[in-house]
Amino acid sequence: MLFNSTTQKKIIGKVRVAADFFGNLKGLMFERQENFDYALIFGLPVETRLGASVHMMFVFFPIDIVFLDAQKKVVDKATLRPWMLNYTPQTAAKYFVEMPLGTGAGTKIGDRVEWVI
């Protein structure tokens, strides 16, 4: 479960972690929108702006994304369109979470986000 601990509200019930090289590489590429009913969490080795950049190549539907610092506070959020070449967060991030469109409305900059797998 992905949970906004600032507002004490559930964001989404299902969570997956991109835990290995292949998971990080693939992300949501070639995923079907009807199968995307979860939050996909990516962890980075260090807080970084450029290293947290994402693309939407071979992702065929829009998504919400939130970027978190090392304390899991939201530092940036966006809605990304299919085939978008690049999005770089405004602030360095240690984690980013890809979610179904509309799910990110439950967060704002400064909120703390937690997850249970």
N, C-alpha and C. Protein backbone atom coordinates (compact mmCIF):
# COMPACT_ATOMS: atom_id res chain seq x y z
N MET A 1 0.85 -1.18 0.00
CA MET A 1 0.00 0.00 0.00
C MET A 1 0.89 1.24 0.00
N LEU A 2 0.51 2.23 -0.78
CA LEU A 2 1.16 3.54 -0.80
C LEU A 2 0.29 4.48 0.02
N PHE A 3 0.91 5.19 0.97
CA PHE A 3 0.19 5.93 1.98
C PHE A 3 0.78 7.32 2.14
N ASN A 4 -0.07 8.35 2.18
CA ASN A 4 0.37 9.72 2.45
C ASN A 4 0.31 9.90 3.97
N SER A 5 1.47 9.86 4.62
CA SER A 5 1.48 9.95 6.08
C SER A 5 1.22 11.37 6.57
N THR A 6 1.32 12.36 5.71
CA THR A 6 0.99 13.74 6.09
C THR A 6 -0.52 13.90 6.24
N THR A 7 -1.27 13.37 5.28
CA THR A 7 -2.73 13.49 5.33
C THR A 7 -3.40 12.27 5.95
N GLN A 8 -2.61 11.22 6.21
CA GLN A 8 -3.14 9.96 6.77
C GLN A 8 -4.14 9.30 5.83
N LYS A 9 -3.88 9.36 4.52
CA LYS A 9 -4.78 8.76 3.53
C LYS A 9 -4.02 7.80 2.63
N LYS A 10 -4.71 6.71 2.27
CA LYS A 10 -4.18 5.74 1.31
C LYS A 10 -4.19 6.38 -0.07
N ILE A 11 -3.09 6.19 -0.80
CA ILE A 11 -3.00 6.69 -2.17
C ILE A 11 -3.43 5.60 -3.14
N ILE A 12 -2.86 4.40 -2.97
CA ILE A 12 -3.21 3.25 -3.81
C ILE A 12 -2.88 1.97 -3.04
N GLY A 13 -3.65 0.94 -3.29
CA GLY A 13 -3.53 -0.28 -2.50
C GLY A 13 -2.38 -1.19 -2.88
N LYS A 14 -2.07 -1.27 -4.18
CA LYS A 14 -1.03 -2.20 -4.63
C LYS A 14 0.26 -1.47 -4.93
N VAL A 15 1.38 -2.08 -4.51
CA VAL A 15 2.70 -1.48 -4.72
C VAL A 15 3.65 -2.54 -5.26
N ARG A 16 4.48 -2.14 -6.22
CA ARG A 16 5.57 -2.97 -6.71
C ARG A 16 6.85 -2.15 -6.67
N VAL A 17 7.96 -2.81 -6.48
CA VAL A 17 9.26 -2.14 -6.47
C VAL A 17 10.08 -2.63 -7.65
N ALA A 18 10.65 -1.72 -8.40
CA ALA A 18 11.59 -2.07 -9.46
C ALA A 18 12.92 -2.36 -8.76
N ALA A 19 13.13 -3.62 -8.40
CA ALA A 19 14.19 -3.98 -7.46
C ALA A 19 15.48 -4.45 -8.11
N ASP A 20 15.49 -4.66 -9.40
CA ASP A 20 16.71 -5.14 -10.04
C ASP A 20 16.96 -4.37 -11.33
N PHE A 21 18.05 -4.69 -11.98
CA PHE A 21 18.43 -3.99 -13.20
C PHE A 21 17.33 -4.05 -14.26
N PHE A 22 16.79 -5.25 -14.48
CA PHE A 22 15.76 -5.40 -15.51
C PHE A 22 14.49 -4.60 -15.15
N GLY A 23 14.08 -4.65 -13.89
CA GLY A 23 12.91 -3.90 -13.44
C GLY A 23 13.09 -2.40 -13.62
N ASN A 24 14.29 -1.91 -13.30
CA ASN A 24 14.58 -0.50 -13.50
C ASN A 24 14.62 -0.13 -14.97
N LEU A 25 15.16 -1.02 -15.78
CA LEU A 25 15.26 -0.76 -17.21
C LEU A 25 13.90 -0.76 -17.89
N LYS A 26 13.07 -1.75 -17.57
CA LYS A 26 11.77 -1.90 -18.23
C LYS A 26 10.74 -0.89 -17.74
N GLY A 27 10.65 -0.69 -16.42
CA GLY A 27 9.63 0.21 -15.89
C GLY A 27 8.25 -0.17 -16.39
N LEU A 28 7.57 0.77 -17.02
CA LEU A 28 6.23 0.52 -17.56
C LEU A 28 6.21 0.32 -19.07
N MET A 29 7.39 0.21 -19.68
CA MET A 29 7.42 0.01 -21.13
C MET A 29 6.66 -1.26 -21.49
N PHE A 30 5.80 -1.14 -22.48
CA PHE A 30 5.00 -2.24 -23.04
C PHE A 30 3.92 -2.75 -22.08
N GLU A 31 3.73 -2.10 -20.94
CA GLU A 31 2.65 -2.48 -20.01
C GLU A 31 1.32 -2.08 -20.63
N ARG A 32 0.29 -2.83 -20.33
CA ARG A 32 -1.06 -2.49 -20.80
C ARG A 32 -1.74 -1.65 -19.72
N GLN A 33 -2.43 -0.61 -20.13
CA GLN A 33 -3.05 0.30 -19.18
C GLN A 33 -4.00 -0.43 -18.24
N GLU A 34 -4.76 -1.39 -18.74
CA GLU A 34 -5.71 -2.09 -17.87
C GLU A 34 -5.02 -2.96 -16.81
N ASN A 35 -3.73 -3.26 -17.00
CA ASN A 35 -2.97 -4.01 -16.00
C ASN A 35 -2.26 -3.12 -15.00
N PHE A 36 -2.23 -1.82 -15.26
CA PHE A 36 -1.49 -0.89 -14.40
C PHE A 36 -2.43 -0.36 -13.31
N ASP A 37 -2.55 -1.14 -12.24
CA ASP A 37 -3.40 -0.78 -11.11
C ASP A 37 -2.59 -0.74 -9.82
N TYR A 38 -1.34 -0.33 -9.93
CA TYR A 38 -0.40 -0.34 -8.81
C TYR A 38 0.53 0.86 -8.89
N ALA A 39 1.24 1.10 -7.81
CA ALA A 39 2.31 2.10 -7.80
C ALA A 39 3.62 1.37 -8.05
N LEU A 40 4.46 1.88 -8.94
CA LEU A 40 5.76 1.29 -9.24
C LEU A 40 6.83 2.21 -8.66
N ILE A 41 7.59 1.69 -7.70
CA ILE A 41 8.58 2.49 -6.96
C ILE A 41 9.98 2.19 -7.46
N PHE A 42 10.71 3.25 -7.72
CA PHE A 42 12.11 3.16 -8.13
C PHE A 42 12.97 3.84 -7.06
N GLY A 43 14.01 3.17 -6.61
CA GLY A 43 14.96 3.76 -5.68
C GLY A 43 16.27 4.03 -6.39
N LEU A 44 16.86 5.15 -6.09
CA LEU A 44 18.13 5.54 -6.72
C LEU A 44 19.26 5.44 -5.69
N PRO A 45 20.50 5.23 -6.14
CA PRO A 45 21.61 5.09 -5.20
C PRO A 45 21.86 6.36 -4.38
N VAL A 46 21.64 7.52 -4.99
CA VAL A 46 21.84 8.81 -4.31
C VAL A 46 20.75 9.78 -4.75
N GLU A 47 20.55 10.84 -3.99
CA GLU A 47 19.64 11.90 -4.43
C GLU A 47 20.26 12.61 -5.62
N THR A 48 19.49 12.75 -6.68
CA THR A 48 20.00 13.35 -7.91
C THR A 48 18.84 13.90 -8.73
N ARG A 49 19.12 14.96 -9.46
CA ARG A 49 18.12 15.48 -10.41
C ARG A 49 18.20 14.72 -11.72
N LEU A 50 19.38 14.73 -12.32
CA LEU A 50 19.53 14.12 -13.65
C LEU A 50 19.35 12.62 -13.60
N GLY A 51 19.81 11.97 -12.55
CA GLY A 51 19.66 10.52 -12.42
C GLY A 51 18.22 10.10 -12.21
N ALA A 52 17.37 11.03 -11.80
CA ALA A 52 15.95 10.75 -11.60
C ALA A 52 15.11 11.07 -12.83
N SER A 53 15.76 11.48 -13.92
CA SER A 53 15.04 11.77 -15.16
C SER A 53 14.37 10.51 -15.68
N VAL A 54 13.19 10.67 -16.25
CA VAL A 54 12.45 9.53 -16.78
C VAL A 54 12.00 9.84 -18.21
N HIS A 55 11.71 8.79 -18.95
CA HIS A 55 11.14 8.93 -20.29
C HIS A 55 9.87 8.08 -20.35
N MET A 56 9.09 8.31 -21.37
CA MET A 56 7.85 7.57 -21.56
C MET A 56 7.85 6.81 -22.90
N MET A 57 9.03 6.51 -23.39
CA MET A 57 9.13 5.74 -24.63
C MET A 57 8.52 4.35 -24.40
N PHE A 58 7.66 3.93 -25.30
CA PHE A 58 6.99 2.64 -25.26
C PHE A 58 6.05 2.49 -24.06
N VAL A 59 5.64 3.62 -23.49
CA VAL A 59 4.55 3.64 -22.50
C VAL A 59 3.38 4.28 -23.24
N PHE A 60 2.27 3.56 -23.34
CA PHE A 60 1.20 3.94 -24.26
C PHE A 60 0.04 4.67 -23.60
N PHE A 61 0.19 5.11 -22.36
CA PHE A 61 -0.88 5.78 -21.63
C PHE A 61 -0.25 6.79 -20.66
N PRO A 62 -0.99 7.84 -20.29
CA PRO A 62 -0.44 8.83 -19.35
C PRO A 62 -0.39 8.27 -17.93
N ILE A 63 0.55 8.79 -17.14
CA ILE A 63 0.70 8.37 -15.75
C ILE A 63 0.96 9.60 -14.88
N ASP A 64 0.76 9.43 -13.59
CA ASP A 64 1.22 10.41 -12.60
C ASP A 64 2.53 9.90 -12.02
N ILE A 65 3.40 10.83 -11.66
CA ILE A 65 4.67 10.47 -11.05
C ILE A 65 4.96 11.46 -9.92
N VAL A 66 5.47 10.93 -8.81
CA VAL A 66 5.93 11.79 -7.72
C VAL A 66 7.39 11.45 -7.45
N PHE A 67 8.16 12.48 -7.15
CA PHE A 67 9.57 12.34 -6.84
C PHE A 67 9.75 12.62 -5.35
N LEU A 68 10.52 11.77 -4.66
CA LEU A 68 10.69 11.87 -3.22
C LEU A 68 12.16 12.03 -2.87
N ASP A 69 12.44 12.80 -1.82
CA ASP A 69 13.81 12.91 -1.34
C ASP A 69 14.13 11.72 -0.43
N ALA A 70 15.28 11.72 0.21
CA ALA A 70 15.71 10.59 1.05
C ALA A 70 14.79 10.39 2.25
N GLN A 71 14.09 11.43 2.68
CA GLN A 71 13.15 11.32 3.80
C GLN A 71 11.74 10.97 3.31
N LYS A 72 11.63 10.68 2.02
CA LYS A 72 10.37 10.31 1.37
C LYS A 72 9.35 11.45 1.37
N LYS A 73 9.85 12.67 1.29
CA LYS A 73 8.98 13.83 1.12
C LYS A 73 8.89 14.16 -0.36
N VAL A 74 7.69 14.52 -0.80
CA VAL A 74 7.46 14.85 -2.21
C VAL A 74 8.19 16.14 -2.54
N VAL A 75 9.09 16.07 -3.55
CA VAL A 75 9.84 17.25 -3.99
C VAL A 75 9.40 17.72 -5.37
N ASP A 76 8.69 16.87 -6.10
CA ASP A 76 8.16 17.25 -7.41
C ASP A 76 7.09 16.22 -7.79
N LYS A 77 6.18 16.61 -8.64
CA LYS A 77 5.17 15.70 -9.15
C LYS A 77 4.74 16.17 -10.53
N ALA A 78 4.27 15.24 -11.34
CA ALA A 78 3.91 15.59 -12.72
C ALA A 78 2.96 14.53 -13.28
N THR A 79 2.30 14.90 -14.35
CA THR A 79 1.57 13.95 -15.19
C THR A 79 2.36 13.85 -16.48
N LEU A 80 2.72 12.63 -16.85
CA LEU A 80 3.53 12.42 -18.04
C LEU A 80 2.68 11.81 -19.15
N ARG A 81 2.92 12.28 -20.36
CA ARG A 81 2.19 11.81 -21.54
C ARG A 81 2.92 10.64 -22.20
N PRO A 82 2.20 9.80 -22.92
CA PRO A 82 2.86 8.73 -23.66
C PRO A 82 3.92 9.28 -24.61
N TRP A 83 5.00 8.56 -24.74
CA TRP A 83 6.09 8.86 -25.65
C TRP A 83 6.86 10.13 -25.32
N MET A 84 6.66 10.69 -24.15
CA MET A 84 7.40 11.88 -23.72
C MET A 84 8.89 11.53 -23.65
N LEU A 85 9.74 12.34 -24.25
CA LEU A 85 11.16 12.01 -24.32
C LEU A 85 11.89 12.15 -23.00
N ASN A 86 11.51 13.11 -22.17
CA ASN A 86 12.26 13.30 -20.93
C ASN A 86 11.47 14.17 -19.96
N TYR A 87 11.55 13.80 -18.69
CA TYR A 87 11.11 14.68 -17.61
C TYR A 87 12.16 14.60 -16.51
N THR A 88 12.70 15.74 -16.13
CA THR A 88 13.69 15.83 -15.06
C THR A 88 13.05 16.59 -13.90
N PRO A 89 13.07 16.02 -12.69
CA PRO A 89 12.44 16.72 -11.57
C PRO A 89 13.13 18.04 -11.27
N GLN A 90 12.39 18.95 -10.66
CA GLN A 90 12.91 20.27 -10.31
C GLN A 90 13.93 20.22 -9.18
N THR A 91 13.83 19.19 -8.34
CA THR A 91 14.69 19.03 -7.17
C THR A 91 15.24 17.60 -7.17
N ALA A 92 16.40 17.41 -6.58
CA ALA A 92 17.00 16.08 -6.51
C ALA A 92 16.06 15.11 -5.79
N ALA A 93 16.03 13.87 -6.29
CA ALA A 93 15.16 12.84 -5.72
C ALA A 93 15.95 11.57 -5.45
N LYS A 94 15.54 10.85 -4.43
CA LYS A 94 16.11 9.54 -4.09
C LYS A 94 15.19 8.42 -4.58
N TYR A 95 13.89 8.72 -4.69
CA TYR A 95 12.88 7.77 -5.15
C TYR A 95 11.96 8.47 -6.13
N PHE A 96 11.36 7.69 -7.02
CA PHE A 96 10.21 8.19 -7.77
C PHE A 96 9.19 7.08 -7.88
N VAL A 97 7.93 7.49 -7.93
CA VAL A 97 6.82 6.54 -7.91
C VAL A 97 5.91 6.83 -9.10
N GLU A 98 5.75 5.84 -9.96
CA GLU A 98 4.86 5.94 -11.10
C GLU A 98 3.52 5.34 -10.71
N MET A 99 2.43 6.05 -11.02
CA MET A 99 1.09 5.65 -10.60
C MET A 99 0.09 5.86 -11.73
N PRO A 100 -1.05 5.17 -11.66
CA PRO A 100 -2.10 5.42 -12.66
C PRO A 100 -2.53 6.90 -12.64
N LEU A 101 -2.93 7.37 -13.80
CA LEU A 101 -3.38 8.74 -13.97
C LEU A 101 -4.46 9.09 -12.94
N GLY A 102 -4.30 10.22 -12.26
CA GLY A 102 -5.25 10.69 -11.26
C GLY A 102 -4.88 10.30 -9.84
N THR A 103 -4.06 9.28 -9.69
CA THR A 103 -3.68 8.81 -8.36
C THR A 103 -2.79 9.81 -7.64
N GLY A 104 -1.99 10.54 -8.36
CA GLY A 104 -1.08 11.51 -7.76
C GLY A 104 -1.78 12.71 -7.16
N ALA A 105 -3.08 12.86 -7.42
CA ALA A 105 -3.83 13.99 -6.86
C ALA A 105 -3.87 13.92 -5.34
N GLY A 106 -3.59 12.77 -4.77
CA GLY A 106 -3.60 12.61 -3.32
C GLY A 106 -2.32 13.06 -2.65
N THR A 107 -1.42 13.71 -3.39
CA THR A 107 -0.17 14.20 -2.80
C THR A 107 0.09 15.64 -3.23
N LYS A 108 0.87 16.33 -2.42
CA LYS A 108 1.34 17.66 -2.80
C LYS A 108 2.78 17.80 -2.33
N ILE A 109 3.47 18.79 -2.86
CA ILE A 109 4.87 19.03 -2.50
C ILE A 109 4.97 19.18 -0.98
N GLY A 110 5.92 18.47 -0.40
CA GLY A 110 6.13 18.52 1.04
C GLY A 110 5.50 17.38 1.81
N ASP A 111 4.51 16.70 1.20
CA ASP A 111 3.89 15.54 1.86
C ASP A 111 4.91 14.42 2.00
N ARG A 112 4.76 13.63 3.04
CA ARG A 112 5.60 12.45 3.24
C ARG A 112 4.82 11.21 2.79
N VAL A 113 5.47 10.38 1.99
CA VAL A 113 4.84 9.19 1.42
C VAL A 113 5.56 7.96 1.95
N GLU A 114 4.80 6.95 2.35
CA GLU A 114 5.34 5.68 2.85
C GLU A 114 4.72 4.54 2.05
N TRP A 115 5.35 3.39 2.08
CA TRP A 115 4.78 2.22 1.43
C TRP A 115 5.06 0.96 2.22
N VAL A 116 4.13 0.02 2.01
CA VAL A 116 4.23 -1.32 2.56
C VAL A 116 4.04 -2.27 1.39
N ILE A 117 4.94 -3.23 1.27
CA ILE A 117 4.86 -4.15 0.14
C ILE A 117 4.23 -5.46 0.56
